[in-house]
Amino acid sequence: MKYSTGADVSADTLRLRLTDLAESGQGDLRAVVGEFRRSEVLVPVVDGSLLSVEAGGIRWLFAFTDEAALEHFARARGEAVPEGMPVYGARLLDQVIPRVATEGGPVGVAVDAGSPAGMVLPPVKGIVPDAVALDADGTALKRRTPKERTRERRRRLPGRSGSAGADHPGHQPGDR
């Protein structure tokens, strides 16, 4: 199967950014994440499921910038080359990861695993949706209810004590 879509330019750009980052050890990680989001990558599928591995309490989904990287990965593991399903990085991060995370904990992406330019996109704020992100200490970010978010906004307002008291200019008798 030859992987060729109109998104090849983005995948090529992503591959170049990953290579530059790997070679220099320096680079703009935000730009790499942005390029990943805009790129169509190959996600290996085995027996109808996305190929993944669990390590350190995190489920890692695999994504590859081209068929050659996917083939190299499979051969290095001594396995047959799995089918690669093309998917945009944004969809993988914003839709697939939250679904997988609800079934069993934090989920990140291993991009071009097994290659010199491979990298991981960990399940942290700014990469995956906040609702399924880990905090800096490795714990899940606290999911807040709408009521909790409203209380927090009220606490941040200047001149407010955090309660809905009469000192608020918009307060009307009977308001809560």
Protein backbone atom coordinates (compact mmCIF):
# COMPACT_ATOMS: atom_id res chain seq x y z
CA MET A 1 0.00 0.00 0.00
CA LYS A 2 1.44 3.37 -1.03
CA TYR A 3 0.63 6.22 1.32
CA SER A 4 -0.08 9.29 -0.75
CA THR A 5 -2.55 12.04 -0.01
CA GLY A 6 -2.77 15.76 -0.43
CA ALA A 7 -1.41 16.06 3.10
CA ASP A 8 2.04 14.75 2.14
CA VAL A 9 3.49 18.27 2.32
CA SER A 10 2.51 18.61 6.00
CA ALA A 11 3.78 15.12 6.80
CA ASP A 12 7.07 15.96 5.06
CA THR A 13 7.32 19.20 7.05
CA LEU A 14 6.59 17.34 10.28
CA ARG A 15 9.23 14.73 9.43
CA LEU A 16 11.80 17.51 8.76
CA ARG A 17 10.95 19.29 12.03
CA LEU A 18 11.30 16.01 13.95
CA THR A 19 14.65 15.32 12.29
CA ASP A 20 15.93 18.83 13.05
CA LEU A 21 14.77 18.54 16.65
CA ALA A 22 16.45 15.13 17.05
CA GLU A 23 19.72 16.25 15.45
CA SER A 24 20.11 19.58 17.22
CA GLY A 25 18.35 18.82 20.48
CA GLN A 26 16.79 22.24 20.11
CA GLY A 27 13.66 23.46 18.46
CA ASP A 28 10.26 24.92 18.93
CA LEU A 29 8.14 22.17 20.44
CA ARG A 30 4.98 24.25 19.92
CA ALA A 31 5.74 24.41 16.20
CA VAL A 32 6.22 20.63 16.12
CA VAL A 33 2.90 20.07 17.90
CA GLY A 34 1.24 22.51 15.49
CA GLU A 35 2.73 20.71 12.51
CA PHE A 36 1.58 17.37 13.93
CA ARG A 37 -1.96 18.72 14.31
CA ARG A 38 -2.02 19.82 10.64
CA SER A 39 -0.41 16.64 9.31
CA GLU A 40 -2.04 13.44 8.18
CA VAL A 41 -0.19 10.60 9.87
CA LEU A 42 -0.50 6.83 9.69
CA VAL A 43 -1.92 5.12 12.76
CA PRO A 44 -1.34 1.35 12.75
CA VAL A 45 -4.44 -0.82 13.13
CA VAL A 46 -4.26 -4.46 14.20
CA ASP A 47 -7.39 -6.61 14.44
CA GLY A 48 -9.58 -3.51 14.24
CA SER A 49 -7.84 -1.71 17.12
CA LEU A 50 -5.27 1.06 17.19
CA LEU A 51 -1.82 -0.30 17.98
CA SER A 52 -0.62 1.00 21.34
CA VAL A 53 1.58 0.14 24.28
CA GLU A 54 1.36 0.98 27.96
CA ALA A 55 4.45 2.30 29.69
CA GLY A 56 4.74 4.15 32.97
CA GLY A 57 0.99 4.20 33.48
CA ILE A 58 0.40 5.93 30.14
CA ARG A 59 -1.12 4.37 27.04
CA TRP A 60 0.91 5.42 23.96
CA LEU A 61 -0.75 5.41 20.55
CA PHE A 62 1.61 5.05 17.62
CA ALA A 63 1.59 7.48 14.68
CA PHE A 64 3.98 7.54 11.73
CA THR A 65 4.83 10.29 9.27
CA ASP A 66 5.14 7.86 6.36
CA GLU A 67 4.87 4.24 5.40
CA ALA A 68 8.65 3.73 5.55
CA ALA A 69 8.71 4.71 9.25
CA LEU A 70 5.80 2.34 9.95
CA GLU A 71 7.55 -0.50 8.09
CA HIS A 72 10.84 0.13 9.94
CA PHE A 73 8.99 0.02 13.28
CA ALA A 74 7.22 -3.26 12.47
CA ARG A 75 10.36 -4.96 11.17
CA ALA A 76 12.35 -3.88 14.23
CA ARG A 77 9.72 -5.59 16.38
CA GLY A 78 9.78 -8.69 14.16
CA GLU A 79 6.15 -8.23 13.21
CA ALA A 80 4.22 -7.97 9.98
CA VAL A 81 3.61 -4.42 8.81
CA PRO A 82 0.15 -3.46 10.06
CA GLU A 83 -2.39 -1.51 8.08
CA GLY A 84 -1.84 2.22 8.50
CA MET A 85 -4.99 4.31 8.81
CA PRO A 86 -4.45 7.93 7.73
CA VAL A 87 -5.71 10.44 10.30
CA TYR A 88 -4.99 14.09 10.96
CA GLY A 89 -3.00 14.74 14.12
CA ALA A 90 -5.63 17.19 15.37
CA ARG A 91 -8.30 14.50 15.21
CA LEU A 92 -6.04 12.04 16.99
CA LEU A 93 -5.30 14.52 19.79
CA ASP A 94 -8.75 16.09 20.14
CA GLN A 95 -11.11 13.20 19.48
CA VAL A 96 -9.38 9.82 19.64
CA ILE A 97 -7.28 10.39 22.76
CA PRO A 98 -10.21 11.53 24.94
CA ARG A 99 -12.19 8.42 23.91
CA VAL A 100 -9.30 6.08 24.68
CA ALA A 101 -8.54 7.93 27.94
CA THR A 102 -12.08 7.45 29.25
CA GLU A 103 -11.53 3.71 28.92
CA GLY A 104 -8.36 3.53 30.94
CA GLY A 105 -6.29 6.54 31.90
CA PRO A 106 -3.86 8.96 30.29
CA VAL A 107 -2.98 8.63 26.60
CA GLY A 108 -0.11 10.15 24.61
CA VAL A 109 1.24 9.72 21.08
CA ALA A 110 4.55 8.15 20.05
CA VAL A 111 5.45 9.69 16.68
CA ASP A 112 7.79 7.70 14.41
CA ALA A 113 8.65 5.31 17.25
CA GLY A 114 11.90 3.47 16.70
CA SER A 115 13.36 6.07 14.35
CA PRO A 116 16.18 8.48 15.20
CA ALA A 117 13.75 11.38 14.82
CA GLY A 118 10.98 9.78 16.89
CA MET A 119 9.37 11.73 19.69
CA VAL A 120 6.49 11.51 22.12
CA LEU A 121 3.61 13.90 22.63
CA PRO A 122 2.77 13.35 26.29
CA PRO A 123 -0.74 13.69 27.69
CA VAL A 124 -0.21 17.17 29.13
CA LYS A 125 -2.09 20.46 28.91
CA GLY A 126 -1.37 22.20 25.62
CA ILE A 127 -1.05 18.93 23.71
CA VAL A 128 -4.16 16.94 24.61
CA PRO A 129 -7.49 18.35 25.81
CA ASP A 130 -7.34 19.59 29.41
CA ALA A 131 -10.04 17.11 30.47
CA VAL A 132 -7.65 14.19 29.82
CA ALA A 133 -4.31 15.90 30.53
CA LEU A 134 -1.91 15.12 33.33
CA ASP A 135 -0.65 17.83 35.64
CA ALA A 136 3.10 18.54 35.98
CA ASP A 137 3.35 16.05 38.85
CA GLY A 138 1.77 13.25 36.77
CA THR A 139 -1.68 13.38 38.31
CA ALA A 140 -4.81 13.95 36.30
CA LEU A 141 -5.91 17.57 36.14
CA LYS A 142 -8.90 18.11 38.38
CA ARG A 143 -12.11 18.09 36.40
CA ARG A 144 -14.28 20.95 37.61
CA THR A 145 -18.02 21.17 37.53
CA PRO A 146 -19.68 24.27 36.00
CA LYS A 147 -20.52 25.41 39.54
CA GLU A 148 -16.83 25.17 40.57
CA ARG A 149 -15.74 27.12 37.48
CA THR A 150 -18.24 29.88 38.29
CA ARG A 151 -16.94 30.11 41.88
CA GLU A 152 -13.36 30.36 40.60
CA ARG A 153 -14.26 33.15 38.17
CA ARG A 154 -15.99 35.07 40.96
CA ARG A 155 -12.90 34.74 43.17
CA ARG A 156 -10.71 36.21 40.43
CA LEU A 157 -12.85 39.32 39.90
CA PRO A 158 -11.19 42.49 41.30
CA GLY A 159 -12.71 43.77 44.53
CA ARG A 160 -14.51 40.50 45.21
CA SER A 161 -14.19 38.41 48.30
CA GLY A 162 -15.32 35.30 46.45
CA SER A 163 -18.93 35.45 47.58
CA ALA A 164 -21.85 36.89 45.67
CA GLY A 165 -22.27 39.73 48.15
CA ALA A 166 -24.01 43.07 47.79
CA ASP A 167 -20.70 44.82 46.98
CA HIS A 168 -20.98 43.52 43.42
CA PRO A 169 -22.28 46.32 41.13
CA GLY A 170 -24.70 43.98 39.36
CA HIS A 171 -26.12 42.49 42.55
CA GLN A 172 -29.88 42.69 42.87
CA PRO A 173 -31.93 41.60 45.83
CA GLY A 174 -32.80 37.93 45.42
CA ASP A 175 -29.73 37.15 43.24
CA ARG A 176 -27.69 34.15 44.25
